[in-house]
PDB file of all heavy atoms in Angstrom:
ATOM      1  N   GLU A   1      -0.540 -70.188 -86.020  1.00  0.00           N
ATOM      2  CA  GLU A   1      -0.131 -69.056 -85.188  1.00  0.00           C
ATOM      3  C   GLU A   1       1.358 -68.745 -85.365  1.00  0.00           C
ATOM      4  O   GLU A   1       1.750 -67.582 -85.477  1.00  0.00           O
ATOM      5  CB  GLU A   1      -0.438 -69.348 -83.711  1.00  0.00           C
ATOM      6  CG  GLU A   1      -1.910 -69.351 -83.352  1.00  0.00           C
ATOM      7  CD  GLU A   1      -2.629 -70.608 -83.847  1.00  0.00           C
ATOM      8  OE1 GLU A   1      -1.947 -71.601 -84.198  1.00  0.00           O
ATOM      9  OE2 GLU A   1      -3.871 -70.592 -83.889  1.00  0.00           O
ATOM     10  N   LYS A   2       2.182 -69.788 -85.405  1.00  0.00           N
ATOM     11  CA  LYS A   2       3.619 -69.584 -85.563  1.00  0.00           C
ATOM     12  C   LYS A   2       3.951 -69.033 -86.948  1.00  0.00           C
ATOM     13  O   LYS A   2       4.789 -68.139 -87.094  1.00  0.00           O
ATOM     14  CB  LYS A   2       4.344 -70.915 -85.345  1.00  0.00           C
ATOM     15  CG  LYS A   2       5.856 -70.790 -85.333  1.00  0.00           C
ATOM     16  CD  LYS A   2       6.342 -69.948 -84.170  1.00  0.00           C
ATOM     17  CE  LYS A   2       7.863 -69.889 -84.112  1.00  0.00           C
ATOM     18  NZ  LYS A   2       8.325 -69.064 -82.984  1.00  0.00           N
ATOM     19  N   LEU A   3       3.272 -69.561 -87.969  1.00  0.00           N
ATOM     20  CA  LEU A   3       3.520 -69.086 -89.329  1.00  0.00           C
ATOM     21  C   LEU A   3       3.105 -67.623 -89.469  1.00  0.00           C
ATOM     22  O   LEU A   3       3.778 -66.833 -90.138  1.00  0.00           O
ATOM     23  CB  LEU A   3       2.758 -69.950 -90.327  1.00  0.00           C
ATOM     24  CG  LEU A   3       3.094 -69.730 -91.805  1.00  0.00           C
ATOM     25  CD1 LEU A   3       4.547 -70.101 -92.083  1.00  0.00           C
ATOM     26  CD2 LEU A   3       2.171 -70.563 -92.700  1.00  0.00           C
ATOM     27  N   TYR A   4       1.998 -67.282 -88.840  1.00  0.00           N
ATOM     28  CA  TYR A   4       1.524 -65.893 -88.851  1.00  0.00           C
ATOM     29  C   TYR A   4       2.557 -64.970 -88.192  1.00  0.00           C
ATOM     30  O   TYR A   4       2.873 -63.887 -88.712  1.00  0.00           O
ATOM     31  CB  TYR A   4       0.190 -65.818 -88.113  1.00  0.00           C
ATOM     32  CG  TYR A   4      -0.329 -64.416 -87.867  1.00  0.00           C
ATOM     33  CD1 TYR A   4      -0.948 -63.698 -88.886  1.00  0.00           C
ATOM     34  CD2 TYR A   4      -0.211 -63.828 -86.616  1.00  0.00           C
ATOM     35  CE1 TYR A   4      -1.431 -62.416 -88.658  1.00  0.00           C
ATOM     36  CE2 TYR A   4      -0.693 -62.550 -86.376  1.00  0.00           C
ATOM     37  CZ  TYR A   4      -1.299 -61.849 -87.393  1.00  0.00           C
ATOM     38  OH  TYR A   4      -1.776 -60.580 -87.162  1.00  0.00           O
ATOM     39  N   GLU A   5       3.097 -65.399 -87.063  1.00  0.00           N
ATOM     40  CA  GLU A   5       4.110 -64.609 -86.350  1.00  0.00           C
ATOM     41  C   GLU A   5       5.351 -64.402 -87.222  1.00  0.00           C
ATOM     42  O   GLU A   5       5.892 -63.292 -87.313  1.00  0.00           O
ATOM     43  CB  GLU A   5       4.492 -65.323 -85.054  1.00  0.00           C
ATOM     44  CG  GLU A   5       5.601 -64.629 -84.270  1.00  0.00           C
ATOM     45  CD  GLU A   5       6.082 -65.445 -83.092  1.00  0.00           C
ATOM     46  OE1 GLU A   5       5.441 -66.473 -82.768  1.00  0.00           O
ATOM     47  OE2 GLU A   5       7.111 -65.073 -82.508  1.00  0.00           O
ATOM     48  N   LEU A   6       5.791 -65.480 -87.896  1.00  0.00           N
ATOM     49  CA  LEU A   6       6.979 -65.389 -88.745  1.00  0.00           C
ATOM     50  C   LEU A   6       6.733 -64.506 -89.966  1.00  0.00           C
ATOM     51  O   LEU A   6       7.621 -63.764 -90.392  1.00  0.00           O
ATOM     52  CB  LEU A   6       7.390 -66.788 -89.201  1.00  0.00           C
ATOM     53  CG  LEU A   6       7.975 -67.709 -88.134  1.00  0.00           C
ATOM     54  CD1 LEU A   6       8.082 -69.133 -88.651  1.00  0.00           C
ATOM     55  CD2 LEU A   6       9.343 -67.204 -87.678  1.00  0.00           C
ATOM     56  N   ALA A   7       5.518 -64.584 -90.531  1.00  0.00           N
ATOM     57  CA  ALA A   7       5.205 -63.822 -91.736  1.00  0.00           C
ATOM     58  C   ALA A   7       5.342 -62.328 -91.520  1.00  0.00           C
ATOM     59  O   ALA A   7       5.723 -61.592 -92.440  1.00  0.00           O
ATOM     60  CB  ALA A   7       3.791 -64.148 -92.203  1.00  0.00           C
ATOM     61  N   TRP A   8       5.037 -61.878 -90.306  1.00  0.00           N
ATOM     62  CA  TRP A   8       5.069 -60.441 -90.016  1.00  0.00           C
ATOM     63  C   TRP A   8       6.325 -60.030 -89.268  1.00  0.00           C
ATOM     64  O   TRP A   8       6.394 -58.944 -88.695  1.00  0.00           O
ATOM     65  CB  TRP A   8       3.812 -60.055 -89.248  1.00  0.00           C
ATOM     66  CG  TRP A   8       2.587 -60.288 -90.067  1.00  0.00           C
ATOM     67  CD1 TRP A   8       1.830 -61.420 -90.143  1.00  0.00           C
ATOM     68  CD2 TRP A   8       2.018 -59.371 -91.003  1.00  0.00           C
ATOM     69  NE1 TRP A   8       0.816 -61.274 -91.061  1.00  0.00           N
ATOM     70  CE2 TRP A   8       0.902 -60.030 -91.596  1.00  0.00           C
ATOM     71  CE3 TRP A   8       2.323 -58.059 -91.394  1.00  0.00           C
ATOM     72  CZ2 TRP A   8       0.105 -59.408 -92.562  1.00  0.00           C
ATOM     73  CZ3 TRP A   8       1.529 -57.452 -92.349  1.00  0.00           C
ATOM     74  CH2 TRP A   8       0.440 -58.125 -92.923  1.00  0.00           C
ATOM     75  N   SER A   9       7.324 -60.929 -89.276  1.00  0.00           N
ATOM     76  CA  SER A   9       8.591 -60.616 -88.623  1.00  0.00           C
ATOM     77  C   SER A   9       9.731 -60.443 -89.619  1.00  0.00           C
ATOM     78  O   SER A   9      10.785 -59.902 -89.271  1.00  0.00           O
ATOM     79  CB  SER A   9       8.953 -61.724 -87.628  1.00  0.00           C
ATOM     80  OG  SER A   9       9.280 -62.922 -88.308  1.00  0.00           O
ATOM     81  N   MET A  10       9.530 -60.898 -90.853  1.00  0.00           N
ATOM     82  CA  MET A  10      10.597 -60.807 -91.857  1.00  0.00           C
ATOM     83  C   MET A  10       9.983 -60.910 -93.251  1.00  0.00           C
ATOM     84  O   MET A  10       8.876 -61.427 -93.404  1.00  0.00           O
ATOM     85  CB  MET A  10      11.619 -61.930 -91.653  1.00  0.00           C
ATOM     86  CG  MET A  10      11.088 -63.323 -91.930  1.00  0.00           C
ATOM     87  SD  MET A  10      12.260 -64.656 -91.526  1.00  0.00           S
ATOM     88  CE  MET A  10      12.006 -64.747 -89.745  1.00  0.00           C
ATOM     89  N   PRO A  11      10.680 -60.424 -94.291  1.00  0.00           N
ATOM     90  CA  PRO A  11      10.176 -60.539 -95.662  1.00  0.00           C
ATOM     91  C   PRO A  11      10.012 -62.001 -96.082  1.00  0.00           C
ATOM     92  O   PRO A  11      10.682 -62.892 -95.559  1.00  0.00           O
ATOM     93  CB  PRO A  11      11.255 -59.832 -96.494  1.00  0.00           C
ATOM     94  CG  PRO A  11      11.923 -58.904 -95.536  1.00  0.00           C
ATOM     95  CD  PRO A  11      11.915 -59.619 -94.215  1.00  0.00           C
ATOM     96  N   MET A  12       9.132 -62.233 -97.044  1.00  0.00           N
ATOM     97  CA  MET A  12       8.854 -63.583 -97.510  1.00  0.00           C
ATOM     98  C   MET A  12      10.099 -64.269 -98.058  1.00  0.00           C
ATOM     99  O   MET A  12      10.286 -65.471 -97.885  1.00  0.00           O
ATOM    100  CB  MET A  12       7.760 -63.550 -98.578  1.00  0.00           C
ATOM    101  CG  MET A  12       6.356 -63.367 -98.037  1.00  0.00           C
ATOM    102  SD  MET A  12       5.722 -64.851 -97.216  1.00  0.00           S
ATOM    103  CE  MET A  12       5.439 -65.914 -98.634  1.00  0.00           C
ATOM    104  N   THR A  13      10.942 -63.508 -98.755  1.00  0.00           N
ATOM    105  CA  THR A  13      12.157 -64.115 -99.327  1.00  0.00           C
ATOM    106  C   THR A  13      13.071 -64.634 -98.220  1.00  0.00           C
ATOM    107  O   THR A  13      13.656 -65.712 -98.353  1.00  0.00           O
ATOM    108  CB  THR A  13      12.916 -63.091-100.183  1.00  0.00           C
ATOM    109  OG1 THR A  13      13.108 -61.878 -99.415  1.00  0.00           O
ATOM    110  CG2 THR A  13      12.135 -62.760-101.448  1.00  0.00           C
ATOM    111  N   ALA A  14      13.182 -63.869 -97.129  1.00  0.00           N
ATOM    112  CA  ALA A  14      14.018 -64.294 -96.008  1.00  0.00           C
ATOM    113  C   ALA A  14      13.411 -65.502 -95.302  1.00  0.00           C
ATOM    114  O   ALA A  14      14.121 -66.444 -94.933  1.00  0.00           O
ATOM    115  CB  ALA A  14      14.202 -63.141 -95.022  1.00  0.00           C
ATOM    116  N   LEU A  15      12.098 -65.475 -95.125  1.00  0.00           N
ATOM    117  CA  LEU A  15      11.419 -66.589 -94.465  1.00  0.00           C
ATOM    118  C   LEU A  15      11.505 -67.861 -95.302  1.00  0.00           C
ATOM    119  O   LEU A  15      11.731 -68.951 -94.770  1.00  0.00           O
ATOM    120  CB  LEU A  15       9.953 -66.227 -94.204  1.00  0.00           C
ATOM    121  CG  LEU A  15       9.091 -67.296 -93.529  1.00  0.00           C
ATOM    122  CD1 LEU A  15       9.718 -67.737 -92.213  1.00  0.00           C
ATOM    123  CD2 LEU A  15       7.680 -66.779 -93.305  1.00  0.00           C
ATOM    124  N   ALA A  16      11.341 -67.718 -96.625  1.00  0.00           N
ATOM    125  CA  ALA A  16      11.431 -68.878 -97.509  1.00  0.00           C
ATOM    126  C   ALA A  16      12.824 -69.504 -97.440  1.00  0.00           C
ATOM    127  O   ALA A  16      12.970 -70.733 -97.421  1.00  0.00           O
ATOM    128  CB  ALA A  16      11.101 -68.470 -98.944  1.00  0.00           C
ATOM    129  N   LYS A  17      13.842 -68.663 -97.377  1.00  0.00           N
ATOM    130  CA  LYS A  17      15.215 -69.153 -97.297  1.00  0.00           C
ATOM    131  C   LYS A  17      15.449 -69.911 -95.995  1.00  0.00           C
ATOM    132  O   LYS A  17      16.090 -70.969 -95.977  1.00  0.00           O
ATOM    133  CB  LYS A  17      16.198 -67.983 -97.410  1.00  0.00           C
ATOM    134  CG  LYS A  17      17.652 -68.400 -97.472  1.00  0.00           C
ATOM    135  CD  LYS A  17      18.553 -67.203 -97.696  1.00  0.00           C
ATOM    136  CE  LYS A  17      20.015 -67.625 -97.777  1.00  0.00           C
ATOM    137  NZ  LYS A  17      20.899 -66.454 -98.006  1.00  0.00           N
ATOM    138  N   LYS A  18      14.918 -69.379 -94.894  1.00  0.00           N
ATOM    139  CA  LYS A  18      15.086 -70.040 -93.599  1.00  0.00           C
ATOM    140  C   LYS A  18      14.312 -71.363 -93.554  1.00  0.00           C
ATOM    141  O   LYS A  18      14.708 -72.292 -92.866  1.00  0.00           O
ATOM    142  CB  LYS A  18      14.619 -69.116 -92.470  1.00  0.00           C
ATOM    143  CG  LYS A  18      15.516 -67.908 -92.240  1.00  0.00           C
ATOM    144  CD  LYS A  18      14.988 -67.011 -91.145  1.00  0.00           C
ATOM    145  CE  LYS A  18      15.195 -67.609 -89.771  1.00  0.00           C
ATOM    146  NZ  LYS A  18      16.623 -67.664 -89.381  1.00  0.00           N
ATOM    147  N   CYS A  19      13.200 -71.425 -94.303  1.00  0.00           N
ATOM    148  CA  CYS A  19      12.404 -72.654 -94.344  1.00  0.00           C
ATOM    149  C   CYS A  19      12.952 -73.663 -95.345  1.00  0.00           C
ATOM    150  O   CYS A  19      12.553 -74.832 -95.344  1.00  0.00           O
ATOM    151  CB  CYS A  19      10.957 -72.330 -94.692  1.00  0.00           C
ATOM    152  SG  CYS A  19      10.049 -71.456 -93.391  1.00  0.00           S
ATOM    153  N   GLY A  20      13.822 -73.194 -96.248  1.00  0.00           N
ATOM    154  CA  GLY A  20      14.406 -74.085 -97.245  1.00  0.00           C
ATOM    155  C   GLY A  20      13.485 -74.388 -98.409  1.00  0.00           C
ATOM    156  O   GLY A  20      13.576 -75.461 -99.015  1.00  0.00           O
ATOM    157  N   VAL A  21      12.582 -73.429 -98.731  1.00  0.00           N
ATOM    158  CA  VAL A  21      11.672 -73.602 -99.866  1.00  0.00           C
ATOM    159  C   VAL A  21      11.684 -72.324-100.699  1.00  0.00           C
ATOM    160  O   VAL A  21      12.249 -71.307-100.292  1.00  0.00           O
ATOM    161  CB  VAL A  21      10.227 -73.891 -99.397  1.00  0.00           C
ATOM    162  CG1 VAL A  21      10.172 -75.206 -98.624  1.00  0.00           C
ATOM    163  CG2 VAL A  21       9.682 -72.751 -98.542  1.00  0.00           C
ATOM    164  N   SER A  22      11.047 -72.359-101.868  1.00  0.00           N
ATOM    165  CA  SER A  22      10.967 -71.166-102.706  1.00  0.00           C
ATOM    166  C   SER A  22       9.866 -70.245-102.196  1.00  0.00           C
ATOM    167  O   SER A  22       8.956 -70.666-101.462  1.00  0.00           O
ATOM    168  CB  SER A  22      10.667 -71.558-104.157  1.00  0.00           C
ATOM    169  OG  SER A  22       9.370 -72.126-104.260  1.00  0.00           O
ATOM    170  N   SER A  23       9.938 -68.970-102.583  1.00  0.00           N
ATOM    171  CA  SER A  23       8.933 -67.999-102.157  1.00  0.00           C
ATOM    172  C   SER A  23       7.554 -68.355-102.694  1.00  0.00           C
ATOM    173  O   SER A  23       6.542 -68.180-102.012  1.00  0.00           O
ATOM    174  CB  SER A  23       9.330 -66.597-102.624  1.00  0.00           C
ATOM    175  OG  SER A  23      10.535 -66.183-102.017  1.00  0.00           O
ATOM    176  N   SER A  24       7.487 -68.857-103.946  1.00  0.00           N
ATOM    177  CA  SER A  24       6.200 -69.213-104.540  1.00  0.00           C
ATOM    178  C   SER A  24       5.575 -70.402-103.818  1.00  0.00           C
ATOM    179  O   SER A  24       4.358 -70.452-103.606  1.00  0.00           O
ATOM    180  CB  SER A  24       6.364 -69.522-106.027  1.00  0.00           C
ATOM    181  OG  SER A  24       7.285 -70.594-106.227  1.00  0.00           O
ATOM    182  N   TYR A  25       6.402 -71.371-103.425  1.00  0.00           N
ATOM    183  CA  TYR A  25       5.885 -72.520-102.677  1.00  0.00           C
ATOM    184  C   TYR A  25       5.374 -72.070-101.310  1.00  0.00           C
ATOM    185  O   TYR A  25       4.295 -72.492-100.859  1.00  0.00           O
ATOM    186  CB  TYR A  25       6.974 -73.561-102.504  1.00  0.00           C
ATOM    187  CG  TYR A  25       6.527 -74.808-101.752  1.00  0.00           C
ATOM    188  CD1 TYR A  25       5.949 -75.867-102.427  1.00  0.00           C
ATOM    189  CD2 TYR A  25       6.680 -74.903-100.371  1.00  0.00           C
ATOM    190  CE1 TYR A  25       5.523 -77.002-101.749  1.00  0.00           C
ATOM    191  CE2 TYR A  25       6.253 -76.031 -99.686  1.00  0.00           C
ATOM    192  CZ  TYR A  25       5.684 -77.077-100.382  1.00  0.00           C
ATOM    193  OH  TYR A  25       5.251 -78.186 -99.703  1.00  0.00           O
ATOM    194  N   LEU A  26       6.137 -71.204-100.653  1.00  0.00           N
ATOM    195  CA  LEU A  26       5.727 -70.716 -99.341  1.00  0.00           C
ATOM    196  C   LEU A  26       4.424 -69.940 -99.435  1.00  0.00           C
ATOM    197  O   LEU A  26       3.584 -70.012 -98.531  1.00  0.00           O
ATOM    198  CB  LEU A  26       6.825 -69.839 -98.741  1.00  0.00           C
ATOM    199  CG  LEU A  26       6.596 -69.356 -97.303  1.00  0.00           C
ATOM    200  CD1 LEU A  26       6.463 -70.551 -96.357  1.00  0.00           C
ATOM    201  CD2 LEU A  26       7.736 -68.456 -96.851  1.00  0.00           C
ATOM    202  N   ALA A  27       4.241 -69.196-100.521  1.00  0.00           N
ATOM    203  CA  ALA A  27       2.987 -68.452-100.702  1.00  0.00           C
ATOM    204  C   ALA A  27       1.801 -69.409-100.762  1.00  0.00           C
ATOM    205  O   ALA A  27       0.720 -69.098-100.241  1.00  0.00           O
ATOM    206  CB  ALA A  27       3.066 -67.613-101.978  1.00  0.00           C
ATOM    207  N   ARG A  28       1.972 -70.579-101.385  1.00  0.00           N
ATOM    208  CA  ARG A  28       0.894 -71.569-101.440  1.00  0.00           C
ATOM    209  C   ARG A  28       0.595 -72.136-100.060  1.00  0.00           C
ATOM    210  O   ARG A  28      -0.549 -72.451 -99.738  1.00  0.00           O
ATOM    211  CB  ARG A  28       1.251 -72.689-102.422  1.00  0.00           C
ATOM    212  CG  ARG A  28       1.381 -72.237-103.865  1.00  0.00           C
ATOM    213  CD  ARG A  28       1.262 -73.393-104.835  1.00  0.00           C
ATOM    214  NE  ARG A  28       2.307 -74.375-104.687  1.00  0.00           N
ATOM    215  CZ  ARG A  28       3.500 -74.317-105.266  1.00  0.00           C
ATOM    216  NH1 ARG A  28       3.793 -73.282-106.039  1.00  0.00           N
ATOM    217  NH2 ARG A  28       4.398 -75.259-105.087  1.00  0.00           N
ATOM    218  N   VAL A  29       1.651 -72.258 -99.240  1.00  0.00           N
ATOM    219  CA  VAL A  29       1.448 -72.724 -97.863  1.00  0.00           C
ATOM    220  C   VAL A  29       0.567 -71.739 -97.102  1.00  0.00           C
ATOM    221  O   VAL A  29      -0.369 -72.126 -96.402  1.00  0.00           O
ATOM    222  CB  VAL A  29       2.800 -72.899 -97.137  1.00  0.00           C
ATOM    223  CG1 VAL A  29       2.578 -73.243 -95.665  1.00  0.00           C
ATOM    224  CG2 VAL A  29       3.633 -73.985 -97.804  1.00  0.00           C
ATOM    225  N   PHE A  30       0.857 -70.450 -97.250  1.00  0.00           N
ATOM    226  CA  PHE A  30       0.066 -69.418 -96.576  1.00  0.00           C
ATOM    227  C   PHE A  30      -1.392 -69.474 -97.041  1.00  0.00           C
ATOM    228  O   PHE A  30      -2.313 -69.312 -96.244  1.00  0.00           O
ATOM    229  CB  PHE A  30       0.652 -68.038 -96.856  1.00  0.00           C
ATOM    230  CG  PHE A  30       1.760 -67.660 -95.915  1.00  0.00           C
ATOM    231  CD1 PHE A  30       3.080 -67.985 -96.211  1.00  0.00           C
ATOM    232  CD2 PHE A  30       1.493 -66.997 -94.741  1.00  0.00           C
ATOM    233  CE1 PHE A  30       4.101 -67.658 -95.342  1.00  0.00           C
ATOM    234  CE2 PHE A  30       2.511 -66.653 -93.864  1.00  0.00           C
ATOM    235  CZ  PHE A  30       3.824 -66.988 -94.160  1.00  0.00           C
ATOM    236  N   THR A  31      -1.586 -69.699 -98.338  1.00  0.00           N
ATOM    237  CA  THR A  31      -2.942 -69.758 -98.871  1.00  0.00           C
ATOM    238  C   THR A  31      -3.690 -70.970 -98.315  1.00  0.00           C
ATOM    239  O   THR A  31      -4.844 -70.854 -97.893  1.00  0.00           O
ATOM    240  CB  THR A  31      -2.912 -69.840-100.406  1.00  0.00           C
ATOM    241  OG1 THR A  31      -2.270 -68.657-100.924  1.00  0.00           O
ATOM    242  CG2 THR A  31      -4.320 -69.915-100.976  1.00  0.00           C
ATOM    243  N   GLN A  32      -3.047 -72.129 -98.311  1.00  0.00           N
ATOM    244  CA  GLN A  32      -3.688 -73.346 -97.824  1.00  0.00           C
ATOM    245  C   GLN A  32      -3.993 -73.280 -96.329  1.00  0.00           C
ATOM    246  O   GLN A  32      -4.961 -73.883 -95.852  1.00  0.00           O
ATOM    247  CB  GLN A  32      -2.797 -74.564 -98.107  1.00  0.00           C
ATOM    248  CG  GLN A  32      -2.639 -74.902 -99.572  1.00  0.00           C
ATOM    249  CD  GLN A  32      -3.899 -75.531-100.159  1.00  0.00           C
ATOM    250  OE1 GLN A  32      -4.829 -75.852 -99.440  1.00  0.00           O
ATOM    251  NE2 GLN A  32      -3.924 -75.690-101.466  1.00  0.00           N
TER     252      GLN A  32
END
């Protein structure tokens, strides 16, 4: 639920930066 909220609050590049991971890695997190 929290990840879903964050995904629709900012671009993936910004979210990945705040999470400290790459955009491609974060995309795999969303898929899993």
